[in-house]
Protein backbone atom coordinates (compact mmCIF):
# COMPACT_ATOMS: atom_id res chain seq x y z
CA MET A 1 30.93 1.65 14.21
CA THR A 2 30.74 -1.84 14.41
CA MET A 3 28.11 -4.40 13.58
CA ASP A 4 27.52 -8.44 14.04
CA ALA A 5 25.96 -9.22 10.45
CA ALA A 6 23.63 -11.62 12.34
CA GLN A 7 22.39 -8.77 14.62
CA THR A 8 18.45 -7.15 12.32
CA VAL A 9 18.40 -4.92 10.95
CA GLY A 10 15.68 -3.15 10.95
CA GLY A 11 13.65 -4.92 13.28
CA GLY A 12 11.16 -8.15 11.75
CA HIS A 13 10.59 -11.20 13.05
CA GLN A 14 10.45 -14.64 12.43
CA GLY A 15 7.43 -15.44 10.17
CA PRO A 16 6.26 -18.85 7.94
CA PRO A 17 7.57 -20.48 4.62
CA GLY A 18 7.00 -19.84 1.70
CA SER A 19 4.19 -22.40 0.90
CA SER A 20 2.31 -22.92 -1.96
CA VAL A 21 -0.80 -22.27 -0.16
CA LEU A 22 0.12 -18.39 0.35
CA VAL A 23 2.08 -17.96 -3.17
CA ASP A 24 -1.20 -18.57 -4.62
CA SER A 25 -4.02 -16.21 -2.81
CA LEU A 26 -1.18 -14.02 -3.48
CA ASP A 27 -1.85 -14.61 -7.26
CA HIS A 28 -5.08 -13.85 -6.84
CA VAL A 29 -4.02 -10.61 -5.51
CA ARG A 30 -2.44 -10.14 -8.25
CA GLY A 31 -4.81 -11.45 -10.30
CA ARG A 32 -7.88 -9.38 -8.85
CA LEU A 33 -5.47 -5.87 -8.38
CA THR A 34 -5.11 -6.97 -12.05
CA HIS A 35 -8.49 -6.12 -13.40
CA THR A 36 -9.33 -3.99 -11.01
CA THR A 37 -8.65 0.38 -12.07
CA TYR A 38 -9.96 3.64 -11.49
CA PRO A 39 -10.58 5.30 -14.25
CA LEU A 40 -12.90 7.99 -12.86
CA GLU A 41 -10.80 11.34 -10.78
CA GLY A 42 -11.34 12.20 -6.61
CA ALA A 43 -10.28 12.81 -4.14
CA GLY A 44 -7.27 10.74 -3.26
CA VAL A 45 -7.38 8.84 -6.21
CA PRO A 46 -4.10 9.54 -7.80
CA GLU A 47 -2.85 7.74 -4.55
CA LEU A 48 -4.86 4.26 -5.28
CA ARG A 49 -3.47 4.27 -8.72
CA ALA A 50 0.07 4.33 -7.92
CA ARG A 51 -0.18 2.06 -4.70
CA ARG A 52 -1.80 -0.57 -6.94
CA THR A 53 0.90 0.06 -10.02
CA ALA A 54 3.87 -0.11 -6.90
CA LEU A 55 1.96 -2.92 -5.72
CA LEU A 56 1.57 -5.03 -8.74
CA ASP A 57 5.82 -4.46 -9.10
CA GLN A 58 5.66 -5.65 -5.55
CA LEU A 59 4.59 -8.14 -6.23
CA ASP A 60 6.14 -9.23 -9.92
CA ASP A 61 10.10 -7.72 -8.07
CA TYR A 62 10.02 -9.00 -5.45
CA LEU A 63 7.02 -10.95 -3.31
CA LEU A 64 6.70 -14.11 -5.70
CA PRO A 65 9.89 -14.46 -7.30
CA ARG A 66 11.56 -14.37 -3.63
CA LEU A 67 8.70 -16.82 -1.92
CA ARG A 68 8.55 -19.30 -5.19
CA SER A 69 12.79 -19.05 -4.41
CA ALA A 70 13.96 -20.80 -1.31
CA GLY A 71 17.76 -19.90 -1.04
CA ALA A 72 17.55 -17.04 -3.49
CA PRO A 73 20.67 -14.69 -2.13
CA LEU A 74 19.91 -11.54 -0.98
CA LEU A 75 19.26 -8.96 -2.78
CA VAL A 76 20.71 -5.26 -1.61
CA VAL A 77 19.74 -1.91 -3.55
CA VAL A 78 22.26 0.95 -2.83
CA GLY A 79 19.83 3.71 -3.29
CA GLY A 80 19.75 7.38 -2.58
CA SER A 81 19.92 11.56 -3.19
CA THR A 82 21.57 13.01 -6.02
CA GLY A 83 25.06 12.56 -5.17
CA ALA A 84 25.14 11.02 -2.33
CA GLY A 85 27.83 9.24 -3.74
CA LYS A 86 26.07 5.59 -4.63
CA SER A 87 28.22 3.61 -7.79
CA THR A 88 31.55 5.20 -6.18
CA LEU A 89 30.49 3.33 -1.84
CA VAL A 90 29.88 0.30 -4.06
CA ASN A 91 33.02 0.51 -6.10
CA SER A 92 34.77 1.45 -3.63
CA ILE A 93 33.58 -2.21 -1.48
CA LEU A 94 34.40 -4.09 -3.91
CA GLY A 95 37.94 -2.93 -3.89
CA GLU A 96 37.87 -2.44 -7.96
CA ALA A 97 35.65 -0.04 -10.23
CA LEU A 98 33.08 -1.71 -11.91
CA THR A 99 31.68 1.45 -12.26
CA ARG A 100 34.39 2.88 -14.85
CA PRO A 101 33.70 3.60 -18.42
CA GLY A 102 34.98 1.26 -20.70
CA VAL A 103 34.71 -1.30 -18.37
CA LEU A 104 30.81 -1.01 -16.94
CA ARG A 105 28.79 1.43 -16.67
CA PRO A 106 26.39 3.17 -14.66
CA THR A 107 23.87 4.99 -15.49
CA THR A 108 20.83 6.08 -13.64
CA ARG A 109 18.98 4.48 -16.78
CA SER A 110 20.25 1.18 -16.46
CA PRO A 111 21.00 0.67 -13.28
CA VAL A 112 24.36 -2.31 -12.36
CA LEU A 113 23.46 -5.43 -9.99
CA VAL A 114 26.51 -7.12 -9.18
CA HIS A 115 26.20 -10.63 -7.89
CA HIS A 116 29.07 -13.43 -7.87
CA PRO A 117 28.60 -15.88 -11.65
CA SER A 118 27.70 -18.58 -9.92
CA ASP A 119 24.27 -16.34 -8.69
CA ALA A 120 24.12 -16.14 -12.55
CA PRO A 121 20.93 -18.15 -12.24
CA TRP A 122 19.36 -16.69 -9.88
CA PHE A 123 18.54 -13.51 -12.27
CA GLY A 124 17.23 -14.59 -14.42
CA PRO A 125 14.19 -12.82 -16.27
CA GLU A 126 11.33 -14.81 -15.03
CA ARG A 127 12.92 -15.21 -11.69
CA ILE A 128 13.19 -11.07 -9.62
CA LEU A 129 12.04 -7.52 -11.97
CA PRO A 130 10.69 -8.97 -14.58
CA THR A 131 9.66 -6.27 -16.75
CA LEU A 132 13.39 -5.25 -16.76
CA PRO A 133 15.42 -6.90 -20.20
CA ARG A 134 18.66 -8.23 -19.25
CA VAL A 135 22.20 -6.90 -20.59
CA GLN A 136 24.82 -9.11 -19.97
CA THR A 137 27.96 -7.27 -19.36
CA GLN A 138 31.30 -8.77 -18.39
CA ARG A 139 34.78 -7.50 -16.38
CA GLY A 140 36.97 -5.55 -19.49
CA GLU A 141 33.60 -5.13 -22.20
CA ALA A 142 33.23 -2.21 -23.10
CA LEU A 143 29.60 -0.70 -23.62
CA PRO A 144 28.25 1.03 -27.16
CA LEU A 145 28.36 4.54 -26.95
CA ASP A 146 24.70 5.29 -27.46
CA ALA A 147 24.62 2.44 -24.31
CA ASP A 148 22.41 5.04 -22.38
CA GLN A 149 19.45 6.32 -25.96
CA GLY A 150 16.13 4.75 -27.07
CA PRO A 151 13.75 3.27 -24.99
CA ASP A 152 15.11 -0.19 -23.89
CA SER A 153 18.05 1.44 -21.68
CA LEU A 154 15.88 3.45 -20.07
CA ARG A 155 14.51 0.07 -17.91
CA SER A 156 17.67 -2.01 -18.56
CA LEU A 157 19.47 -4.28 -16.09
CA ARG A 158 22.94 -4.40 -16.38
CA LEU A 159 23.87 -8.02 -14.64
CA ALA A 160 27.57 -8.22 -13.82
CA PRO A 161 29.42 -11.35 -12.62
CA PHE A 162 32.11 -10.44 -10.18
CA VAL A 163 34.58 -13.35 -8.33
CA GLY A 164 34.97 -11.01 -5.85
CA MET A 165 31.51 -10.77 -4.05
CA PRO A 166 30.23 -12.87 -1.47
CA PRO A 167 28.41 -16.69 -3.46
CA GLY A 168 24.78 -15.50 -1.78
CA LEU A 169 24.94 -11.99 -1.43
CA ALA A 170 24.11 -9.76 -4.28
CA LEU A 171 24.54 -5.14 -5.06
CA LEU A 172 22.53 -3.53 -7.25
CA ASP A 173 23.33 0.42 -7.96
CA ALA A 174 20.16 1.77 -8.31
CA PRO A 175 18.90 6.08 -10.05
CA ASP A 176 18.26 8.83 -7.69
CA ILE A 177 15.96 8.78 -5.69
CA ASP A 178 14.95 12.36 -6.31
CA SER A 179 16.55 12.69 -10.15
CA PHE A 180 14.93 15.46 -12.37
CA GLU A 181 14.02 13.31 -14.25
CA ARG A 182 10.64 10.83 -13.42
CA ALA A 183 10.79 7.37 -15.19
CA ASN A 184 14.24 7.85 -13.18
CA ARG A 185 12.50 8.28 -9.59
CA ASP A 186 9.94 5.79 -10.64
CA LEU A 187 12.76 3.30 -10.99
CA ALA A 188 14.45 4.43 -7.70
CA ALA A 189 11.55 3.38 -6.19
CA GLN A 190 11.03 -0.12 -7.90
CA LEU A 191 13.99 -1.09 -7.70
CA LEU A 192 14.10 -0.42 -3.35
CA ALA A 193 11.09 -2.01 -3.50
CA ALA A 194 12.18 -5.30 -4.77
CA ALA A 195 15.16 -5.45 -2.12
CA ASP A 196 15.34 -7.62 0.92
CA LEU A 197 17.81 -5.17 2.20
CA TRP A 198 17.91 -1.02 1.21
CA LEU A 199 21.70 0.46 2.00
CA PHE A 200 20.47 3.76 2.10
CA VAL A 201 23.04 5.82 0.74
CA THR A 202 23.31 10.14 2.16
CA THR A 203 25.27 12.87 2.73
CA ALA A 204 26.29 15.61 5.47
CA ALA A 205 24.38 18.09 3.68
CA ARG A 206 21.41 16.22 2.48
CA TYR A 207 20.35 13.43 5.19
CA ALA A 208 18.00 15.71 6.35
CA ASP A 209 15.92 16.31 3.25
CA ALA A 210 12.38 15.83 2.93
CA VAL A 211 12.08 13.23 0.07
CA PRO A 212 15.07 10.36 1.70
CA TRP A 213 12.69 10.61 4.55
CA ASP A 214 9.27 10.54 2.71
CA LEU A 215 10.49 7.39 1.40
CA LEU A 216 11.99 6.17 4.41
CA ASN A 217 9.45 6.21 6.21
CA SER A 218 7.15 4.03 3.85
CA ALA A 219 9.61 1.45 4.53
CA VAL A 220 9.59 1.57 8.00
CA ALA A 221 5.78 1.45 7.70
CA ARG A 222 5.57 -2.08 5.74
CA HIS A 223 8.75 -3.00 7.76
CA ALA A 224 11.56 -3.10 5.03
CA GLN A 225 15.37 -4.16 6.19
CA ILE A 226 17.10 -1.20 6.19
CA ALA A 227 20.78 0.37 6.69
CA LEU A 228 22.14 3.85 6.58
CA VAL A 229 25.51 5.04 5.50
CA LEU A 230 26.20 8.69 5.84
CA ASP A 231 29.17 9.44 3.56
CA ARG A 232 31.46 12.38 2.28
CA VAL A 233 30.89 13.70 6.10
CA ASP A 234 34.02 16.51 6.14
CA PRO A 235 36.76 15.85 9.79
CA GLY A 236 34.73 17.54 12.86
CA SER A 237 31.77 17.04 11.77
CA ASP A 238 30.78 14.50 14.69
CA GLU A 239 27.21 16.31 15.43
CA VAL A 240 26.23 15.22 11.68
CA ALA A 241 26.12 11.68 12.79
CA VAL A 242 24.86 12.45 15.93
CA ASP A 243 21.76 14.40 14.64
CA LEU A 244 20.87 11.82 11.83
CA ALA A 245 21.03 9.12 14.23
CA ARG A 246 18.29 11.27 16.51
CA LEU A 247 16.50 11.72 12.94
CA MET A 248 16.13 7.04 13.00
CA ARG A 249 15.61 7.32 16.44
CA ALA A 250 12.54 9.76 15.98
CA ASN A 251 11.11 7.96 12.42
CA GLY A 252 10.97 4.16 13.91
CA LEU A 253 14.53 3.17 12.81
CA ALA A 254 16.95 3.35 15.64
CA GLN A 255 17.67 -0.20 15.58
CA ALA A 256 19.32 0.49 12.46
CA PRO A 257 23.76 0.04 11.02
CA LEU A 258 24.01 3.48 10.52
CA PHE A 259 28.12 3.40 9.14
CA VAL A 260 29.94 6.35 8.73
CA VAL A 261 32.23 6.99 5.54
CA PRO A 262 34.37 10.37 5.51
CA GLU A 263 35.55 12.40 3.43
CA ALA A 264 38.81 11.05 1.50
CA GLU A 265 40.84 11.73 -1.64
CA LEU A 266 39.64 8.77 -4.17
CA ASP A 267 42.72 7.07 -5.82
CA ALA A 268 43.53 6.41 -8.86
CA ASP A 269 40.84 4.14 -9.22
CA GLY A 270 38.57 6.42 -8.62
CA LEU A 271 37.95 3.93 -5.22
CA LEU A 272 37.69 5.58 -1.92
CA PRO A 273 40.72 3.84 0.70
CA GLU A 274 40.19 0.80 1.74
CA ARG A 275 39.69 1.88 5.98
CA ALA A 276 37.20 4.93 4.87
CA VAL A 277 34.46 1.67 3.72
CA ALA A 278 35.74 -0.65 6.13
CA GLU A 279 32.80 -1.29 8.69
CA VAL A 280 29.77 -0.98 5.61
CA SER A 281 31.71 -3.48 4.03
CA GLY A 282 32.56 -5.95 6.98
CA TRP A 283 29.45 -5.60 7.17
CA LEU A 284 28.44 -6.77 4.08
CA SER A 285 31.05 -9.69 3.98
CA ASP A 286 29.82 -10.86 7.06
CA LEU A 287 26.53 -10.74 5.45
CA GLY A 288 27.29 -12.69 2.67
CA GLY A 289 28.91 -14.58 4.35
CA SER A 290 25.99 -15.97 6.90
CA SER A 291 23.15 -17.78 5.29
CA ALA A 292 21.30 -17.58 8.76
CA ALA A 293 22.04 -14.19 8.46
CA ARG A 294 21.42 -13.88 5.70
CA GLU A 295 17.77 -15.78 5.47
CA GLN A 296 17.55 -13.57 9.46
CA VAL A 297 17.30 -10.29 7.06
CA ALA A 298 15.19 -12.43 3.86
CA ILE A 299 12.33 -13.60 6.14
CA ALA A 300 11.69 -9.97 7.73
CA THR A 301 11.51 -8.13 4.70
CA ARG A 302 9.02 -10.89 3.06
CA ASP A 303 6.83 -10.78 6.22
CA GLY A 304 6.76 -6.74 6.81
CA VAL A 305 5.51 -6.85 2.86
CA LEU A 306 3.07 -8.96 3.62
CA GLU A 307 2.08 -7.13 6.91
CA ASP A 308 1.62 -3.77 4.87
CA LEU A 309 0.23 -5.89 1.30
CA VAL A 310 -2.98 -6.68 3.19
CA ARG A 311 -3.16 -3.31 5.03
CA THR A 312 -2.50 -1.85 1.05
CA VAL A 313 -5.07 -4.18 -0.89
CA GLU A 314 -7.88 -2.78 2.02
CA ILE A 315 -7.27 0.25 1.22
CA LEU A 316 -7.77 -0.35 -2.02
CA ALA A 317 -10.83 -2.07 -1.13
CA ARG A 318 -12.35 1.29 -0.24
CA GLY A 319 -10.55 2.86 -3.13
CA ALA A 320 -12.97 0.55 -5.90
CA ASP A 321 -15.90 1.08 -3.30
CA GLU A 322 -16.01 4.66 -4.30
CA GLN A 323 -15.00 4.23 -7.95
CA GLU A 324 -18.13 2.04 -8.00
CA ALA A 325 -19.97 4.73 -5.68
CA ALA A 326 -19.03 6.95 -8.44
CA ARG A 327 -19.39 5.69 -11.41
CA ALA A 328 -23.60 4.37 -10.28
CA ARG A 329 -24.09 8.18 -8.68
CA LEU A 330 -22.60 9.34 -12.33
CA ALA A 331 -25.65 6.53 -14.03
CA ASP A 332 -28.10 8.37 -11.72
CA VAL A 333 -27.58 10.85 -13.24
CA VAL A 334 -27.94 10.18 -17.32
CA GLU A 335 -31.06 7.70 -15.87
CA ALA A 336 -32.81 10.71 -13.96
CA ALA A 337 -31.95 12.96 -16.74
CA TYR A 338 -33.58 10.87 -19.65
CA ALA A 339 -35.87 10.02 -17.55
CA GLN A 340 -37.32 14.18 -17.09
CA ALA A 341 -37.39 13.82 -20.76
CA ARG A 342 -39.62 10.63 -21.10
CA THR A 343 -42.12 12.47 -18.72
CA GLN A 344 -41.91 15.58 -20.97
CA VAL A 345 -42.49 14.60 -24.11
CA ARG A 346 -45.25 12.06 -22.91
CA ALA A 347 -47.08 15.04 -21.14
CA ALA A 348 -46.20 16.84 -24.28
CA ALA A 349 -47.96 14.17 -26.15
CA SER A 350 -51.16 13.46 -24.45
CA ASP A 351 -51.63 16.70 -22.97
CA GLY A 352 -53.58 18.54 -25.56
CA ALA A 353 -50.48 20.83 -26.48
CA MET A 354 -49.87 18.40 -29.73
CA LEU A 355 -53.54 20.04 -30.64
CA ARG A 356 -52.10 23.27 -31.68
CA GLY A 357 -50.56 26.15 -33.65
CA GLU A 358 -49.93 23.68 -37.72
CA VAL A 359 -51.30 20.20 -36.28
CA LEU A 360 -54.54 21.88 -35.21
CA GLY A 361 -55.21 23.94 -38.33
CA ARG A 362 -54.04 21.21 -41.01
CA TRP A 363 -57.13 19.10 -38.84
CA GLN A 364 -59.54 21.70 -39.18
CA ASP A 365 -58.50 22.21 -42.78
CA PHE A 366 -58.89 18.23 -43.01
CA VAL A 367 -62.24 16.93 -41.81
CA GLY A 368 -63.55 21.10 -42.88
CA ALA A 369 -64.72 20.93 -39.34
CA SER A 370 -66.39 24.54 -39.13
CA ASP A 371 -68.59 22.60 -41.40
CA VAL A 372 -68.77 19.43 -39.33
CA MET A 373 -68.70 20.21 -36.28
CA ARG A 374 -72.54 21.49 -37.05
CA THR A 375 -73.68 17.73 -38.41
CA ILE A 376 -72.44 16.42 -35.04
CA GLU A 377 -75.36 16.59 -33.46
CA ARG A 378 -77.82 15.65 -36.53
CA GLY A 379 -76.86 12.32 -36.54
CA VAL A 380 -74.47 9.61 -37.51
CA GLY A 381 -75.45 8.84 -40.82
CA ARG A 382 -75.44 12.33 -42.14
CA PHE A 383 -72.04 12.85 -39.68
CA ARG A 384 -70.35 9.97 -41.92
CA ASP A 385 -71.97 10.66 -45.51
CA SER A 386 -70.36 14.85 -44.05
CA ILE A 387 -67.83 13.48 -43.12
CA GLY A 388 -66.88 10.93 -46.64
CA ALA A 389 -67.64 14.31 -48.70
CA PHE A 390 -64.46 16.85 -47.70
CA PHE A 391 -62.35 12.95 -48.03
CA ARG A 392 -63.71 12.73 -50.80
CA GLY A 393 -62.98 16.96 -51.81
CA GLY A 394 -60.17 18.64 -53.58
CA ARG A 395 -59.64 20.00 -49.53
CA THR A 396 -56.26 19.58 -46.87
CA THR A 397 -54.97 16.32 -47.74
CA PRO A 398 -54.26 13.39 -44.33
CA ALA A 399 -50.61 13.30 -45.85
CA GLU A 400 -50.21 17.03 -44.64
CA VAL A 401 -51.93 16.68 -41.39
CA GLU A 402 -49.27 13.67 -40.99
CA VAL A 403 -46.55 15.89 -41.81
CA ALA A 404 -47.76 18.68 -39.23
CA ILE A 405 -47.95 15.68 -36.30
CA ALA A 406 -44.46 14.45 -37.07
CA GLN A 407 -43.14 17.73 -36.64
CA GLY A 408 -44.79 18.49 -33.93
CA LEU A 409 -43.76 15.09 -32.43
CA ALA A 410 -40.38 15.83 -33.35
CA ALA A 411 -39.48 19.17 -31.70
CA VAL A 412 -40.39 18.30 -28.61
CA THR A 413 -38.73 15.43 -28.72
CA LEU A 414 -35.81 16.72 -30.19
CA ASP A 415 -36.42 19.64 -27.27
CA ALA A 416 -36.41 16.52 -24.74
CA ILE A 417 -33.16 14.56 -25.73
CA GLU A 418 -31.26 17.79 -25.77
CA GLY A 419 -32.11 18.46 -22.70
CA ALA A 420 -31.78 15.67 -20.88
CA ARG A 421 -27.94 15.84 -22.83
CA GLU A 422 -27.44 19.23 -20.66
CA ARG A 423 -28.79 18.09 -17.71
CA THR A 424 -26.23 15.60 -17.94
CA ARG A 425 -23.34 17.60 -18.90
CA ALA A 426 -23.84 20.16 -16.63
CA LEU A 427 -24.36 17.70 -13.43
CA TRP A 428 -21.35 15.17 -15.38
CA ARG A 429 -19.35 18.24 -15.52
CA ALA A 430 -19.59 19.31 -11.29
CA ASP A 431 -18.55 16.63 -10.68
CA PRO A 432 -14.98 15.32 -9.94
CA ALA A 433 -15.52 12.10 -11.37
CA GLY A 434 -16.97 13.34 -14.69
CA ARG A 435 -15.56 16.38 -15.53
CA ASP A 436 -13.08 14.44 -17.70
CA LEU A 437 -15.50 12.65 -19.28
CA VAL A 438 -16.98 15.27 -20.37
CA ILE A 439 -13.76 16.68 -21.58
CA ASP A 440 -12.26 13.69 -23.48
CA ALA A 441 -15.44 14.01 -25.42
CA GLN A 442 -16.03 17.07 -26.58
CA ALA A 443 -13.87 15.92 -29.24
CA SER A 444 -15.17 13.29 -30.33
CA ALA A 445 -18.79 12.61 -30.75
CA GLY A 446 -20.04 13.89 -27.09
CA VAL A 447 -20.41 11.98 -23.60
CA THR A 448 -24.34 12.02 -24.18
CA GLY A 449 -24.41 11.58 -27.88
CA ALA A 450 -24.25 11.96 -31.50
CA SER A 451 -24.95 15.05 -33.60
CA THR A 452 -27.73 16.82 -33.66
CA ALA A 453 -28.55 16.10 -37.66
CA ASP A 454 -28.68 12.39 -37.08
CA LEU A 455 -30.32 12.78 -34.04
CA ARG A 456 -33.17 15.50 -36.27
CA ALA A 457 -32.02 12.04 -38.43
CA ALA A 458 -33.67 9.30 -36.31
CA ILE A 459 -36.38 11.45 -34.77
CA ALA A 460 -37.74 11.82 -38.17
CA THR A 461 -37.42 7.33 -38.84
CA GLN A 462 -38.71 6.93 -35.40
CA MET A 463 -41.33 9.29 -36.42
CA ARG A 464 -42.92 8.07 -39.58
CA GLY A 465 -42.35 3.78 -37.85
CA TRP A 466 -45.16 5.19 -35.56
CA GLN A 467 -47.53 7.17 -38.03
CA GLU A 468 -46.81 3.64 -39.94
CA ASP A 469 -47.26 1.33 -36.91
CA VAL A 470 -51.06 3.32 -36.62
CA LEU A 471 -52.19 3.00 -40.32
CA ALA A 472 -51.28 -1.03 -40.23
CA VAL A 473 -53.17 -0.98 -36.57
CA VAL A 474 -55.98 0.90 -38.38
CA ARG A 475 -56.47 -1.48 -41.73
CA GLU A 476 -56.04 -4.53 -39.16
CA GLN A 477 -59.47 -3.21 -37.87
CA GLY A 478 -60.82 -2.42 -41.27
CA GLU A 479 -60.75 -5.31 -41.50
CA ASP A 480 -63.93 -7.05 -39.86
CA ARG A 481 -66.24 -6.97 -42.03
CA ARG A 482 -68.71 -5.77 -40.18
CA GLY A 483 -66.36 -2.17 -39.94
CA LEU A 484 -64.70 -2.44 -43.87
CA ALA A 485 -67.20 -0.51 -45.70
CA ARG A 486 -67.18 1.81 -43.10
CA ALA A 487 -63.10 2.45 -42.93
CA LEU A 488 -62.90 2.13 -46.01
CA SER A 489 -65.17 5.61 -47.05
CA PHE A 490 -63.64 7.53 -45.09
CA GLY A 491 -60.08 6.27 -45.99
CA VAL A 492 -56.60 4.65 -44.39
CA ASN A 493 -55.16 7.36 -44.35
CA GLY A 494 -57.68 9.76 -42.69
CA LEU A 495 -58.76 7.41 -40.12
CA GLY A 496 -55.03 7.01 -38.96
CA VAL A 497 -54.96 10.79 -38.66
CA ALA A 498 -58.25 10.70 -36.39
CA VAL A 499 -56.39 8.17 -34.44
CA MET A 500 -53.56 10.30 -33.76
CA VAL A 501 -55.11 13.24 -33.19
CA LEU A 502 -57.35 11.44 -30.02
CA VAL A 503 -53.88 10.39 -28.37
CA PHE A 504 -52.64 13.69 -28.40
CA ALA A 505 -56.68 14.59 -26.53
CA GLY A 506 -56.51 16.57 -23.50
CA THR A 507 -55.80 20.27 -21.90
CA GLY A 508 -53.50 18.87 -19.51
CA GLY A 509 -51.45 22.17 -21.64
CA LEU A 510 -53.62 24.26 -22.95
CA THR A 511 -55.86 27.99 -21.15
CA GLY A 512 -59.16 29.49 -23.15
CA ALA A 513 -59.97 29.59 -26.35
CA GLU A 514 -57.80 26.83 -27.10
CA ILE A 515 -58.94 24.07 -25.17
CA GLY A 516 -62.21 24.46 -26.45
CA VAL A 517 -60.77 23.96 -29.72
CA ALA A 518 -58.49 21.41 -28.98
CA GLY A 519 -61.72 19.41 -27.38
CA GLY A 520 -63.69 19.63 -30.13
CA THR A 521 -61.14 18.30 -32.15
CA ALA A 522 -60.76 15.19 -30.19
CA VAL A 523 -64.53 14.79 -30.24
CA LEU A 524 -65.12 15.75 -33.80
CA ALA A 525 -61.63 12.55 -34.07
CA GLN A 526 -63.66 10.17 -31.46
CA LYS A 527 -66.91 10.59 -33.36
CA VAL A 528 -65.21 9.46 -37.00
CA LEU A 529 -63.47 6.92 -35.46
CA GLU A 530 -66.91 5.95 -33.54
CA ALA A 531 -68.20 5.88 -37.21
CA ALA A 532 -66.05 3.85 -38.91
CA PHE A 533 -65.51 1.06 -35.78
CA GLY A 534 -67.13 2.04 -33.29
CA ASP A 535 -67.06 2.46 -29.33
CA ASP A 536 -65.29 -0.30 -28.34
CA ALA A 537 -62.70 -0.77 -31.30
CA VAL A 538 -61.35 3.38 -30.65
CA ARG A 539 -60.52 2.49 -27.47
CA GLN A 540 -58.19 -0.05 -28.82
CA LEU A 541 -57.32 1.91 -31.09
CA THR A 542 -56.25 5.03 -29.50
CA GLN A 543 -54.60 2.04 -26.63
CA VAL A 544 -52.21 0.43 -29.39
CA ALA A 545 -51.29 4.05 -30.82
CA GLN A 546 -50.19 5.58 -27.56
CA GLU A 547 -48.50 2.08 -26.54
CA ARG A 548 -46.76 2.15 -29.99
CA LEU A 549 -46.27 5.89 -29.59
CA ASP A 550 -43.93 5.26 -26.55
CA LEU A 551 -42.46 2.70 -27.09
CA ARG A 552 -40.70 5.01 -30.57
CA LEU A 553 -40.52 7.38 -28.56
CA GLY A 554 -38.96 5.61 -25.31
CA SER A 555 -36.68 3.67 -27.44
CA LEU A 556 -35.12 7.07 -28.69
CA LEU A 557 -34.29 7.96 -24.99
CA ASP A 558 -32.97 5.22 -24.76
CA ALA A 559 -30.17 4.44 -27.21
CA ASP A 560 -29.51 8.73 -26.85
CA ALA A 561 -28.85 7.78 -23.14
CA ALA A 562 -26.95 4.52 -23.65
CA ILE A 563 -24.26 6.62 -25.23
CA ALA A 564 -23.51 7.80 -21.55
CA ILE A 565 -24.61 4.67 -20.23
CA THR A 566 -21.69 2.87 -22.62
CA ARG A 567 -19.45 5.01 -21.45
CA LEU A 568 -19.55 4.09 -18.34
CA ALA A 569 -19.22 0.49 -18.60
CA ALA A 570 -16.59 1.42 -21.15
CA LEU A 571 -14.40 2.47 -17.80
CA GLY A 572 -14.24 -1.41 -16.46
CA ILE A 573 -15.64 -0.21 -13.12
CA ASN A 574 -16.15 -3.89 -11.46
CA ALA A 575 -19.16 -3.10 -8.98
CA GLU A 576 -17.51 -6.75 -7.26
CA ALA A 577 -13.96 -5.93 -7.46
CA GLY A 578 -14.01 -3.94 -3.12
CA ASP A 579 -15.54 -7.09 -1.69
CA ALA A 580 -13.01 -9.65 -4.20
CA LEU A 581 -9.71 -7.43 -3.32
CA ARG A 582 -10.88 -8.26 1.05
CA ARG A 583 -11.24 -11.58 0.35
CA SER A 584 -8.34 -12.07 -1.20
CA ALA A 585 -6.80 -9.98 1.16
CA ARG A 586 -8.44 -11.34 4.54
CA ASP A 587 -7.12 -15.43 2.08
CA VAL A 588 -3.37 -13.64 2.10
CA ALA A 589 -3.44 -12.90 5.86
CA ALA A 590 -4.77 -16.35 6.44
CA ALA A 591 -1.93 -17.78 4.72
CA THR A 592 0.71 -16.48 6.68
CA GLN A 593 -0.26 -17.55 10.33
């Protein structure tokens, strides 16, 4: 099959020259992509990550270098399946065993790029495939025995200057696209994405395999320029070439050249007979000798990549939107769980539920409620005297009541926070975006908080702080000249306990006889405070104490919720990433017009 080198290889059209506006817009796209990640799992997320990585590689390896380097050699990447004979084909086309051990040893780990010596400056690390370390190799120079060992060899590019290669054309022998090693497959895909032209090699036994066609179809979708070589075809197997041509037409490759290389015995240097590779060798020679043909191929590939880039960035933008939606969804779970905890604590601290059990018993012991309640109706003066006597007596101290209050309030708060944690964990586990966050965190401090012991300590600190707040407010109120004597007669700590009891007053959480007991307790606390400070001051004291309690409890809940929220923030998901990517894609599209 004879082809004129100037023929369009796989379709394409003339596009704009590489302008500074286009390069700038692509630089902006690259910057946006670099800062856009997809850390949360979900449907299609692995594909988004792979697309992003592939697009960044193609920008760095091919598109930006090509646009910045007008007149660079046309890079032909030879790729294909395992056992397709790519290296033998390259050697035979060049007419010399450049890949023979002891001269240049190509391996799947160290692909070889053959170029004319005068083109060497074009293949420096700053121009094409910049992430691959360069290994300069001269003909006749033996490689060390461990050339393929170590991390650097896995992604190194061996540059092989060869005077037999036409200037303006370079051949790169890529790893197998279906290698059993993932790193080799990834490198093959990266190299193919950096090509101006694919020379895709397959065999009569492998031409219909799914893996090559998946790759070819993706190349067709972005208008990559492709030529196919059907290698190692046995005599009498003409129907194989016919069937491959049919598949090419069915998959959008009707215009791509197809070269058939018959099965033949290799010569002493491991080369195919010249006649076996004459067509493909002549086609490449003509291409290398025509700057117009090379430019046509380069422009067609470049334009196809630009069109595909705009489409891909739009897909990645939608993915970024989905990541932000998932992050917001997980954050909403946290906020709802801790809002429920806040309501739970606030209700327990104000509906009378705290005035039962230990707290109620200690308060009644402290004020001698059974005796004092009988004096309430006899007048405030006698009541004050009675209360003062109890405060000065040897009964239960205010500190014991404070301890009971702190313990009761701490238990309520601990229960609410642990409930919020468990609701958060349960809902995150049920969400694909949050499942891994919970699993990863189980090996550390936990996704929704520190240890229970640390939490207990933090709660105890806040409870002591609140009680100190209440005592400070009582002291401030008692400093009033008119109320000082009365306040001191009752004792600051005793009055502080009365304020705490009044804060907890209510009957929303109590039933039956408890209502009468708690109600009487609240009335007693209020009478004590009114006797010391007066009605208006009592209302103010209670309001301030309630506000301070809300602040203390709120800080505990906010701090615990912040652990999960901070974990989400640390993922680096930008709420504006999707819109920023879309704007960048529009800028690229506008620059290509």
